[in-house]
Amino acid sequence: MRNRAKAIARAIDGAWSHQDQADPFSGSSLVPMLIIGLALTFAGMIVAVVLS
């Protein structure tokens, strides 16, 4: 009985860690904000060059 409970706990932990690693953009990750920030920065630089 004890081994079965440990196996179930390991399976649940493995499912959670696999789910977290599968989608790096989920949750409160800073990656999407960094990508959007860089895109807006480059777009602003392109607009500045075109208007100058």
N, C-alpha and C. Protein backbone atom coordinates (compact mmCIF):
# COMPACT_ATOMS: atom_id res chain seq x y z
N MET A 1 0.83 -1.20 0.00
CA MET A 1 0.00 0.00 0.00
C MET A 1 0.87 1.26 0.00
N ARG A 2 1.94 1.22 0.79
CA ARG A 2 2.81 2.38 0.88
C ARG A 2 3.51 2.65 -0.46
N ASN A 3 3.93 1.57 -1.13
CA ASN A 3 4.60 1.73 -2.43
C ASN A 3 3.65 2.30 -3.47
N ARG A 4 2.40 1.91 -3.42
CA ARG A 4 1.42 2.42 -4.38
C ARG A 4 1.20 3.92 -4.18
N ALA A 5 1.11 4.35 -2.93
CA ALA A 5 0.94 5.78 -2.64
C ALA A 5 2.15 6.58 -3.13
N LYS A 6 3.34 6.03 -2.94
CA LYS A 6 4.54 6.73 -3.43
C LYS A 6 4.54 6.80 -4.95
N ALA A 7 4.12 5.73 -5.60
CA ALA A 7 4.08 5.73 -7.06
C ALA A 7 3.07 6.75 -7.58
N ILE A 8 1.93 6.86 -6.93
CA ILE A 8 0.92 7.85 -7.33
C ILE A 8 1.45 9.26 -7.12
N ALA A 9 2.13 9.49 -5.99
CA ALA A 9 2.69 10.82 -5.72
C ALA A 9 3.75 11.18 -6.76
N ARG A 10 4.60 10.20 -7.13
CA ARG A 10 5.62 10.46 -8.16
C ARG A 10 4.98 10.76 -9.52
N ALA A 11 3.91 10.05 -9.84
CA ALA A 11 3.23 10.29 -11.11
C ALA A 11 2.62 11.68 -11.16
N ILE A 12 2.03 12.12 -10.06
CA ILE A 12 1.44 13.46 -10.01
C ILE A 12 2.53 14.52 -10.11
N ASP A 13 3.62 14.34 -9.37
CA ASP A 13 4.73 15.30 -9.44
C ASP A 13 5.32 15.36 -10.84
N GLY A 14 5.46 14.20 -11.47
CA GLY A 14 5.99 14.15 -12.83
C GLY A 14 5.09 14.85 -13.82
N ALA A 15 3.78 14.71 -13.64
CA ALA A 15 2.84 15.37 -14.55
C ALA A 15 2.93 16.88 -14.40
N TRP A 16 3.04 17.37 -13.16
CA TRP A 16 3.13 18.81 -12.95
C TRP A 16 4.43 19.38 -13.51
N SER A 17 5.54 18.69 -13.29
CA SER A 17 6.82 19.22 -13.80
C SER A 17 6.85 19.16 -15.32
N HIS A 18 6.26 18.12 -15.91
CA HIS A 18 6.22 18.04 -17.37
C HIS A 18 5.35 19.14 -17.95
N GLN A 19 4.26 19.46 -17.28
CA GLN A 19 3.36 20.51 -17.76
C GLN A 19 4.05 21.87 -17.68
N ASP A 20 4.81 22.13 -16.62
CA ASP A 20 5.51 23.41 -16.48
C ASP A 20 6.59 23.57 -17.53
N GLN A 21 7.30 22.49 -17.85
CA GLN A 21 8.37 22.57 -18.83
C GLN A 21 7.84 22.63 -20.26
N ALA A 22 6.64 22.13 -20.46
CA ALA A 22 6.11 22.06 -21.82
C ALA A 22 5.75 23.44 -22.36
N ASP A 23 5.34 24.35 -21.52
CA ASP A 23 4.88 25.66 -21.98
C ASP A 23 5.61 26.78 -21.23
N PRO A 24 6.73 27.27 -21.76
CA PRO A 24 7.47 28.31 -21.04
C PRO A 24 6.76 29.65 -20.99
N PHE A 25 5.71 29.84 -21.81
CA PHE A 25 4.99 31.11 -21.84
C PHE A 25 3.82 31.14 -20.88
N SER A 26 3.61 30.07 -20.13
CA SER A 26 2.47 30.05 -19.21
C SER A 26 2.81 30.74 -17.90
N GLY A 27 1.79 31.14 -17.18
CA GLY A 27 2.00 31.73 -15.86
C GLY A 27 2.51 33.15 -15.94
N SER A 28 3.29 33.52 -14.96
CA SER A 28 3.79 34.89 -14.86
C SER A 28 5.21 34.99 -15.40
N SER A 29 5.46 34.33 -16.50
CA SER A 29 6.79 34.35 -17.10
C SER A 29 7.09 35.72 -17.69
N LEU A 30 8.33 36.11 -17.61
CA LEU A 30 8.75 37.40 -18.16
C LEU A 30 9.05 37.33 -19.65
N VAL A 31 9.13 36.13 -20.20
CA VAL A 31 9.51 35.97 -21.60
C VAL A 31 8.57 36.70 -22.55
N PRO A 32 7.24 36.56 -22.41
CA PRO A 32 6.36 37.30 -23.35
C PRO A 32 6.53 38.81 -23.24
N MET A 33 6.72 39.31 -22.02
CA MET A 33 6.90 40.75 -21.86
C MET A 33 8.20 41.22 -22.49
N LEU A 34 9.26 40.41 -22.38
CA LEU A 34 10.53 40.79 -23.01
C LEU A 34 10.42 40.79 -24.53
N ILE A 35 9.73 39.80 -25.08
CA ILE A 35 9.57 39.73 -26.53
C ILE A 35 8.76 40.93 -27.04
N ILE A 36 7.68 41.26 -26.34
CA ILE A 36 6.86 42.41 -26.75
C ILE A 36 7.65 43.71 -26.62
N GLY A 37 8.42 43.83 -25.54
CA GLY A 37 9.24 45.03 -25.35
C GLY A 37 10.26 45.20 -26.45
N LEU A 38 10.93 44.11 -26.82
CA LEU A 38 11.91 44.20 -27.91
C LEU A 38 11.25 44.54 -29.23
N ALA A 39 10.09 43.94 -29.49
CA ALA A 39 9.38 44.22 -30.74
C ALA A 39 8.98 45.69 -30.81
N LEU A 40 8.47 46.23 -29.72
CA LEU A 40 8.08 47.65 -29.71
C LEU A 40 9.29 48.57 -29.84
N THR A 41 10.41 48.18 -29.24
CA THR A 41 11.63 48.99 -29.35
C THR A 41 12.10 49.05 -30.81
N PHE A 42 12.15 47.90 -31.46
CA PHE A 42 12.60 47.89 -32.85
C PHE A 42 11.60 48.59 -33.76
N ALA A 43 10.31 48.44 -33.48
CA ALA A 43 9.31 49.15 -34.28
C ALA A 43 9.47 50.65 -34.12
N GLY A 44 9.73 51.12 -32.91
CA GLY A 44 9.96 52.54 -32.67
C GLY A 44 11.20 53.04 -33.39
N MET A 45 12.25 52.24 -33.42
CA MET A 45 13.48 52.65 -34.11
C MET A 45 13.24 52.72 -35.62
N ILE A 46 12.48 51.79 -36.16
CA ILE A 46 12.18 51.80 -37.59
C ILE A 46 11.35 53.04 -37.95
N VAL A 47 10.36 53.36 -37.12
CA VAL A 47 9.54 54.55 -37.37
C VAL A 47 10.39 55.79 -37.28
N ALA A 48 11.29 55.87 -36.33
CA ALA A 48 12.15 57.04 -36.19
C ALA A 48 13.05 57.22 -37.42
N VAL A 49 13.57 56.12 -37.95
CA VAL A 49 14.43 56.20 -39.14
C VAL A 49 13.60 56.62 -40.35
N VAL A 50 12.40 56.08 -40.49
CA VAL A 50 11.55 56.44 -41.64
C VAL A 50 11.14 57.90 -41.59
N LEU A 51 10.85 58.42 -40.42
CA LEU A 51 10.39 59.82 -40.29
C LEU A 51 11.52 60.82 -40.33
N SER A 52 12.75 60.37 -40.16
CA SER A 52 13.85 61.34 -40.15
C SER A 52 14.38 61.65 -41.53
